[in-house]
Protein backbone atom coordinates (compact mmCIF):
# COMPACT_ATOMS: atom_id res chain seq x y z
CA MET A 1 0.01 0.00 0.00
CA SER A 2 1.24 3.42 -0.84
CA VAL A 3 0.36 6.82 0.53
CA GLY A 4 1.14 8.32 -2.83
CA VAL A 5 2.67 11.67 -3.53
CA HIS A 6 0.62 14.49 -2.09
CA PRO A 7 1.88 18.05 -2.32
CA LEU A 8 1.02 19.51 1.06
CA ASP A 9 0.67 23.27 1.04
CA ARG A 10 2.91 24.27 3.94
CA GLY A 11 2.13 27.96 3.39
CA GLY A 12 -1.57 27.48 2.90
CA PRO A 13 -4.42 28.52 5.14
CA ASP A 14 -5.14 25.00 6.48
CA PRO A 15 -2.93 23.57 9.25
CA LEU A 16 -0.60 20.80 8.11
CA PHE A 17 -2.31 18.14 10.26
CA GLN A 18 -5.64 19.06 8.63
CA GLN A 19 -4.13 18.60 5.16
CA VAL A 20 -2.72 15.19 6.20
CA ARG A 21 -6.10 14.24 7.68
CA ASP A 22 -7.93 15.25 4.51
CA HIS A 23 -5.45 13.36 2.32
CA LEU A 24 -5.78 10.17 4.35
CA LEU A 25 -9.56 10.49 4.37
CA ASP A 26 -9.47 10.88 0.57
CA LEU A 27 -7.39 7.69 0.28
CA ILE A 28 -9.85 5.84 2.52
CA ARG A 29 -12.80 7.08 0.45
CA LYS A 30 -11.06 5.91 -2.72
CA GLN A 31 -10.52 2.56 -0.96
CA VAL A 32 -6.75 2.72 -1.22
CA TYR A 33 -7.08 1.78 2.47
CA GLU A 34 -10.11 -0.50 2.80
CA PRO A 35 -12.29 -1.01 5.88
CA GLY A 36 -10.73 -3.44 8.31
CA ARG A 37 -7.27 -3.05 6.85
CA ARG A 38 -4.24 -1.77 8.72
CA LEU A 39 -2.56 1.46 7.62
CA PRO A 40 1.19 1.52 7.02
CA SER A 41 3.22 2.30 10.15
CA GLU A 42 3.34 5.83 11.47
CA ARG A 43 6.99 6.02 10.52
CA VAL A 44 6.24 5.03 6.90
CA LEU A 45 3.25 7.38 6.61
CA ALA A 46 5.15 10.33 8.14
CA LYS A 47 8.11 9.79 5.85
CA SER A 48 5.91 9.37 2.75
CA LEU A 49 4.12 12.64 3.53
CA SER A 50 7.25 14.46 4.72
CA VAL A 51 5.70 15.37 8.03
CA SER A 52 6.66 14.72 11.64
CA ARG A 53 5.13 11.78 13.47
CA LEU A 54 3.53 14.28 15.85
CA THR A 55 1.73 15.98 12.97
CA LEU A 56 0.69 12.62 11.62
CA ARG A 57 -0.60 11.48 15.01
CA VAL A 58 -2.75 14.59 15.36
CA ALA A 59 -4.29 13.76 11.95
CA LEU A 60 -4.77 10.10 12.84
CA ASN A 61 -6.35 10.99 16.18
CA SER A 62 -8.70 13.39 14.43
CA LEU A 63 -9.86 10.58 12.14
CA ALA A 64 -10.19 8.28 15.15
CA ASP A 65 -12.37 10.87 16.92
CA GLU A 66 -14.62 10.82 13.86
CA GLY A 67 -14.84 7.03 13.92
CA VAL A 68 -12.96 6.55 10.66
CA LEU A 69 -9.84 4.96 12.19
CA GLN A 70 -9.20 2.81 15.24
CA SER A 71 -5.89 2.40 17.04
CA SER A 72 -4.74 -0.87 18.46
CA VAL A 73 -1.78 -0.59 20.84
CA GLY A 74 1.19 -2.49 19.43
CA ARG A 75 -0.67 -3.32 16.20
CA GLY A 76 -1.19 0.03 14.51
CA TRP A 77 -4.04 1.95 12.98
CA PHE A 78 -7.03 0.33 11.22
CA VAL A 79 -9.68 1.71 8.92
């Protein structure tokens, strides 16, 4: 599975975590990441998107708060 290249607008009006969140949600909607499947590791996602793991975690937690993702300690994030 690949996050794909996504040009984040670091100078844009939306916070970086929001852009990451929106990008991941778009990939989920396009079923790049299907329901029940595990996402790539935080390290892989952060590197692919050229963001810090902290920024990525804020985005992931936002999607978890919305019920889109679920975290499993020691196993990762699941759609």
